[in-house]
Amino acid sequence: VTAAAAAASNNDASNNSKKPHKQQHSAEEKAVDLYVLERAFLSTHPESEPLVEEVLKGYREFFEGLGSNNDGSTEGSYGHVAKAIFNRLEQVRLRGRK
């Protein structure tokens, strides 16, 4: 490795460490991940539909519970995120069945 290449590599690493890590993923990406998980369970574990349903139910409840206040109100809730992901999941399922 040349000195110039090493310096460039170090500069890239230092520049990347200054940028915040983007952890936000699109509804499409999350829906595809859920679809792959769903298909993996169903193809490798016969009669696992109830398990898949519970996993998806828990996933939805997790998002719906984010940002809710202790008083039970849903102000600031991420329910819209869950809705977007599950709407997209339906579209992904339709594409996958072609």
N, C-alpha and C. Protein backbone atom coordinates (compact mmCIF):
# COMPACT_ATOMS: atom_id res chain seq x y z
N VAL A 1 0.85 -1.18 0.00
CA VAL A 1 0.00 0.00 0.00
C VAL A 1 0.89 1.23 0.00
N THR A 2 0.60 2.13 -0.89
CA THR A 2 1.40 3.35 -0.96
C THR A 2 0.97 4.31 0.14
N ALA A 3 1.84 5.27 0.41
CA ALA A 3 1.54 6.27 1.44
C ALA A 3 0.31 7.09 1.05
N ALA A 4 0.17 7.39 -0.25
CA ALA A 4 -0.98 8.17 -0.71
C ALA A 4 -2.28 7.39 -0.52
N ALA A 5 -2.25 6.09 -0.82
CA ALA A 5 -3.44 5.27 -0.66
C ALA A 5 -3.82 5.15 0.82
N ALA A 6 -2.82 5.00 1.68
CA ALA A 6 -3.09 4.92 3.11
C ALA A 6 -3.68 6.22 3.63
N ALA A 7 -3.14 7.34 3.17
CA ALA A 7 -3.65 8.65 3.59
C ALA A 7 -5.09 8.83 3.12
N ALA A 8 -5.37 8.43 1.88
CA ALA A 8 -6.73 8.55 1.35
C ALA A 8 -7.69 7.68 2.15
N SER A 9 -7.25 6.49 2.50
CA SER A 9 -8.07 5.58 3.29
C SER A 9 -8.36 6.17 4.66
N ASN A 10 -7.36 6.76 5.29
CA ASN A 10 -7.54 7.39 6.59
C ASN A 10 -8.50 8.57 6.50
N ASN A 11 -8.39 9.36 5.43
CA ASN A 11 -9.29 10.50 5.25
C ASN A 11 -10.72 10.02 5.07
N ASP A 12 -10.93 8.95 4.30
CA ASP A 12 -12.27 8.40 4.11
C ASP A 12 -12.84 7.95 5.43
N ALA A 13 -12.03 7.26 6.23
CA ALA A 13 -12.50 6.77 7.52
C ALA A 13 -12.86 7.91 8.45
N SER A 14 -12.04 8.96 8.48
CA SER A 14 -12.33 10.08 9.37
C SER A 14 -13.56 10.86 8.90
N ASN A 15 -13.74 10.98 7.58
CA ASN A 15 -14.92 11.67 7.06
C ASN A 15 -16.18 10.88 7.36
N ASN A 16 -16.12 9.56 7.24
CA ASN A 16 -17.28 8.73 7.52
C ASN A 16 -17.64 8.75 9.00
N SER A 17 -16.65 8.86 9.88
CA SER A 17 -16.94 8.85 11.30
C SER A 17 -17.62 10.14 11.73
N LYS A 18 -17.50 11.21 10.96
CA LYS A 18 -18.12 12.49 11.29
C LYS A 18 -19.57 12.54 10.85
N LYS A 19 -19.95 11.68 9.91
CA LYS A 19 -21.32 11.66 9.41
C LYS A 19 -22.17 10.80 10.33
N PRO A 20 -23.37 11.28 10.66
CA PRO A 20 -24.25 10.43 11.49
C PRO A 20 -24.67 9.20 10.70
N HIS A 21 -24.77 8.09 11.38
CA HIS A 21 -25.19 6.85 10.73
C HIS A 21 -26.68 6.91 10.46
N LYS A 22 -27.06 6.70 9.23
CA LYS A 22 -28.47 6.75 8.86
C LYS A 22 -29.11 5.40 9.16
N GLN A 23 -30.04 5.41 10.12
CA GLN A 23 -30.71 4.17 10.49
C GLN A 23 -32.16 4.14 10.03
N GLN A 24 -32.58 5.20 9.40
CA GLN A 24 -33.95 5.25 8.91
C GLN A 24 -34.01 4.48 7.59
N HIS A 25 -34.93 3.57 7.51
CA HIS A 25 -35.12 2.80 6.29
C HIS A 25 -36.53 3.04 5.80
N SER A 26 -36.72 2.89 4.52
CA SER A 26 -38.03 3.15 3.94
C SER A 26 -39.02 2.05 4.30
N ALA A 27 -40.29 2.38 4.15
CA ALA A 27 -41.35 1.40 4.38
C ALA A 27 -41.16 0.21 3.43
N GLU A 28 -40.70 0.49 2.22
CA GLU A 28 -40.45 -0.58 1.24
C GLU A 28 -39.40 -1.56 1.75
N GLU A 29 -38.29 -1.02 2.26
CA GLU A 29 -37.22 -1.89 2.76
C GLU A 29 -37.69 -2.73 3.95
N LYS A 30 -38.44 -2.10 4.85
CA LYS A 30 -38.94 -2.83 6.02
C LYS A 30 -39.95 -3.89 5.60
N ALA A 31 -40.81 -3.54 4.65
CA ALA A 31 -41.81 -4.49 4.16
C ALA A 31 -41.14 -5.68 3.49
N VAL A 32 -40.12 -5.43 2.70
CA VAL A 32 -39.40 -6.53 2.04
C VAL A 32 -38.75 -7.42 3.10
N ASP A 33 -38.17 -6.82 4.13
CA ASP A 33 -37.57 -7.62 5.21
C ASP A 33 -38.62 -8.50 5.88
N LEU A 34 -39.79 -7.93 6.16
CA LEU A 34 -40.86 -8.71 6.78
C LEU A 34 -41.33 -9.83 5.85
N TYR A 35 -41.40 -9.54 4.57
CA TYR A 35 -41.82 -10.54 3.60
C TYR A 35 -40.83 -11.70 3.54
N VAL A 36 -39.55 -11.37 3.53
CA VAL A 36 -38.52 -12.41 3.51
C VAL A 36 -38.60 -13.25 4.78
N LEU A 37 -38.77 -12.60 5.91
CA LEU A 37 -38.90 -13.33 7.18
C LEU A 37 -40.13 -14.24 7.15
N GLU A 38 -41.23 -13.71 6.69
CA GLU A 38 -42.47 -14.47 6.58
C GLU A 38 -42.29 -15.71 5.69
N ARG A 39 -41.68 -15.50 4.51
CA ARG A 39 -41.48 -16.61 3.58
C ARG A 39 -40.51 -17.64 4.16
N ALA A 40 -39.50 -17.18 4.88
CA ALA A 40 -38.54 -18.11 5.49
C ALA A 40 -39.23 -19.00 6.51
N PHE A 41 -40.04 -18.40 7.37
CA PHE A 41 -40.77 -19.21 8.36
C PHE A 41 -41.69 -20.20 7.68
N LEU A 42 -42.48 -19.70 6.74
CA LEU A 42 -43.48 -20.56 6.11
C LEU A 42 -42.86 -21.67 5.27
N SER A 43 -41.69 -21.43 4.71
CA SER A 43 -41.08 -22.47 3.88
C SER A 43 -40.29 -23.49 4.69
N THR A 44 -39.85 -23.13 5.88
CA THR A 44 -39.02 -24.05 6.66
C THR A 44 -39.72 -24.63 7.88
N HIS A 45 -40.84 -24.06 8.27
CA HIS A 45 -41.58 -24.53 9.44
C HIS A 45 -43.03 -24.75 9.05
N PRO A 46 -43.36 -25.98 8.69
CA PRO A 46 -44.75 -26.26 8.29
C PRO A 46 -45.73 -25.82 9.38
N GLU A 47 -46.84 -25.29 8.94
CA GLU A 47 -47.93 -24.86 9.83
C GLU A 47 -47.50 -23.77 10.80
N SER A 48 -46.63 -22.88 10.36
CA SER A 48 -46.15 -21.81 11.23
C SER A 48 -46.93 -20.50 11.05
N GLU A 49 -48.06 -20.55 10.35
CA GLU A 49 -48.83 -19.32 10.13
C GLU A 49 -49.16 -18.59 11.42
N PRO A 50 -49.59 -19.30 12.49
CA PRO A 50 -49.87 -18.58 13.74
C PRO A 50 -48.64 -17.86 14.31
N LEU A 51 -47.48 -18.47 14.18
CA LEU A 51 -46.25 -17.84 14.65
C LEU A 51 -45.96 -16.57 13.85
N VAL A 52 -46.08 -16.65 12.54
CA VAL A 52 -45.84 -15.49 11.67
C VAL A 52 -46.83 -14.37 12.02
N GLU A 53 -48.08 -14.73 12.22
CA GLU A 53 -49.09 -13.73 12.58
C GLU A 53 -48.73 -13.03 13.89
N GLU A 54 -48.24 -13.78 14.87
CA GLU A 54 -47.85 -13.18 16.16
C GLU A 54 -46.64 -12.27 16.02
N VAL A 55 -45.69 -12.67 15.20
CA VAL A 55 -44.50 -11.82 14.97
C VAL A 55 -44.93 -10.51 14.33
N LEU A 56 -45.78 -10.58 13.31
CA LEU A 56 -46.24 -9.37 12.64
C LEU A 56 -47.10 -8.51 13.56
N LYS A 57 -47.91 -9.15 14.38
CA LYS A 57 -48.73 -8.42 15.36
C LYS A 57 -47.82 -7.67 16.34
N GLY A 58 -46.80 -8.33 16.85
CA GLY A 58 -45.87 -7.70 17.77
C GLY A 58 -45.11 -6.56 17.12
N TYR A 59 -44.74 -6.74 15.87
CA TYR A 59 -44.03 -5.70 15.12
C TYR A 59 -44.90 -4.45 15.00
N ARG A 60 -46.17 -4.66 14.65
CA ARG A 60 -47.12 -3.55 14.52
C ARG A 60 -47.31 -2.87 15.87
N GLU A 61 -47.51 -3.65 16.92
CA GLU A 61 -47.73 -3.09 18.26
C GLU A 61 -46.51 -2.31 18.75
N PHE A 62 -45.33 -2.76 18.39
CA PHE A 62 -44.11 -2.05 18.77
C PHE A 62 -44.14 -0.63 18.20
N PHE A 63 -44.41 -0.50 16.90
CA PHE A 63 -44.44 0.82 16.28
C PHE A 63 -45.58 1.66 16.81
N GLU A 64 -46.73 1.04 17.03
CA GLU A 64 -47.87 1.81 17.53
C GLU A 64 -47.61 2.31 18.95
N GLY A 65 -46.78 1.60 19.71
CA GLY A 65 -46.46 2.01 21.07
C GLY A 65 -45.38 3.06 21.17
N LEU A 66 -44.59 3.22 20.12
CA LEU A 66 -43.51 4.22 20.16
C LEU A 66 -44.09 5.62 20.24
N GLY A 67 -43.56 6.39 21.14
CA GLY A 67 -43.97 7.78 21.23
C GLY A 67 -45.27 8.01 21.96
N SER A 68 -45.92 6.95 22.43
CA SER A 68 -47.16 7.18 23.16
C SER A 68 -46.83 7.69 24.56
N ASN A 69 -47.71 8.49 25.08
CA ASN A 69 -47.52 9.07 26.40
C ASN A 69 -47.90 8.06 27.48
N ASN A 70 -47.43 8.27 28.68
CA ASN A 70 -47.75 7.38 29.79
C ASN A 70 -49.24 7.37 30.12
N ASP A 71 -49.96 8.41 29.71
CA ASP A 71 -51.39 8.47 30.01
C ASP A 71 -52.23 7.66 29.03
N GLY A 72 -51.57 6.97 28.10
CA GLY A 72 -52.28 6.10 27.15
C GLY A 72 -52.67 6.78 25.87
N SER A 73 -52.48 8.10 25.79
CA SER A 73 -52.82 8.78 24.55
C SER A 73 -51.80 8.41 23.47
N THR A 74 -52.17 8.59 22.24
CA THR A 74 -51.30 8.20 21.14
C THR A 74 -50.66 9.40 20.47
N GLU A 75 -50.68 10.54 21.14
CA GLU A 75 -50.03 11.71 20.57
C GLU A 75 -48.55 11.41 20.37
N GLY A 76 -48.06 11.66 19.18
CA GLY A 76 -46.66 11.36 18.88
C GLY A 76 -46.44 9.91 18.52
N SER A 77 -47.51 9.15 18.37
CA SER A 77 -47.40 7.72 18.08
C SER A 77 -46.82 7.49 16.68
N TYR A 78 -46.22 6.33 16.52
CA TYR A 78 -45.68 5.93 15.23
C TYR A 78 -46.61 4.96 14.51
N GLY A 79 -47.87 5.02 14.84
CA GLY A 79 -48.85 4.16 14.19
C GLY A 79 -48.88 4.35 12.68
N HIS A 80 -48.63 5.57 12.23
CA HIS A 80 -48.61 5.84 10.79
C HIS A 80 -47.46 5.10 10.11
N VAL A 81 -46.37 4.88 10.87
CA VAL A 81 -45.23 4.13 10.32
C VAL A 81 -45.65 2.68 10.10
N ALA A 82 -46.29 2.11 11.12
CA ALA A 82 -46.76 0.72 11.00
C ALA A 82 -47.73 0.58 9.84
N LYS A 83 -48.64 1.54 9.72
CA LYS A 83 -49.62 1.49 8.64
C LYS A 83 -48.93 1.51 7.28
N ALA A 84 -47.95 2.39 7.13
CA ALA A 84 -47.22 2.48 5.86
C ALA A 84 -46.47 1.19 5.55
N ILE A 85 -45.85 0.61 6.57
CA ILE A 85 -45.08 -0.63 6.37
C ILE A 85 -46.01 -1.76 5.98
N PHE A 86 -47.15 -1.89 6.68
CA PHE A 86 -48.04 -3.01 6.39
C PHE A 86 -48.80 -2.83 5.08
N ASN A 87 -49.07 -1.58 4.70
CA ASN A 87 -49.63 -1.35 3.36
C ASN A 87 -48.64 -1.77 2.29
N ARG A 88 -47.38 -1.43 2.51
CA ARG A 88 -46.34 -1.81 1.56
C ARG A 88 -46.13 -3.31 1.57
N LEU A 89 -46.23 -3.95 2.73
CA LEU A 89 -46.09 -5.40 2.81
C LEU A 89 -47.13 -6.10 1.93
N GLU A 90 -48.34 -5.58 1.92
CA GLU A 90 -49.37 -6.16 1.04
C GLU A 90 -48.96 -6.06 -0.43
N GLN A 91 -48.38 -4.92 -0.81
CA GLN A 91 -47.92 -4.75 -2.18
C GLN A 91 -46.77 -5.70 -2.50
N VAL A 92 -45.86 -5.87 -1.55
CA VAL A 92 -44.73 -6.78 -1.74
C VAL A 92 -45.23 -8.21 -1.89
N ARG A 93 -46.19 -8.58 -1.08
CA ARG A 93 -46.76 -9.94 -1.18
C ARG A 93 -47.36 -10.17 -2.57
N LEU A 94 -48.08 -9.18 -3.07
CA LEU A 94 -48.68 -9.31 -4.40
C LEU A 94 -47.62 -9.46 -5.48
N ARG A 95 -46.55 -8.70 -5.37
CA ARG A 95 -45.47 -8.82 -6.34
C ARG A 95 -44.81 -10.19 -6.24
N GLY A 96 -44.68 -10.71 -5.04
CA GLY A 96 -44.02 -11.99 -4.83
C GLY A 96 -44.81 -13.18 -5.32
N ARG A 97 -46.09 -13.00 -5.52
CA ARG A 97 -46.95 -14.13 -5.93
C ARG A 97 -47.09 -14.24 -7.44
N LYS A 98 -46.39 -13.43 -8.18
CA LYS A 98 -46.49 -13.47 -9.64
C LYS A 98 -45.87 -14.73 -10.19
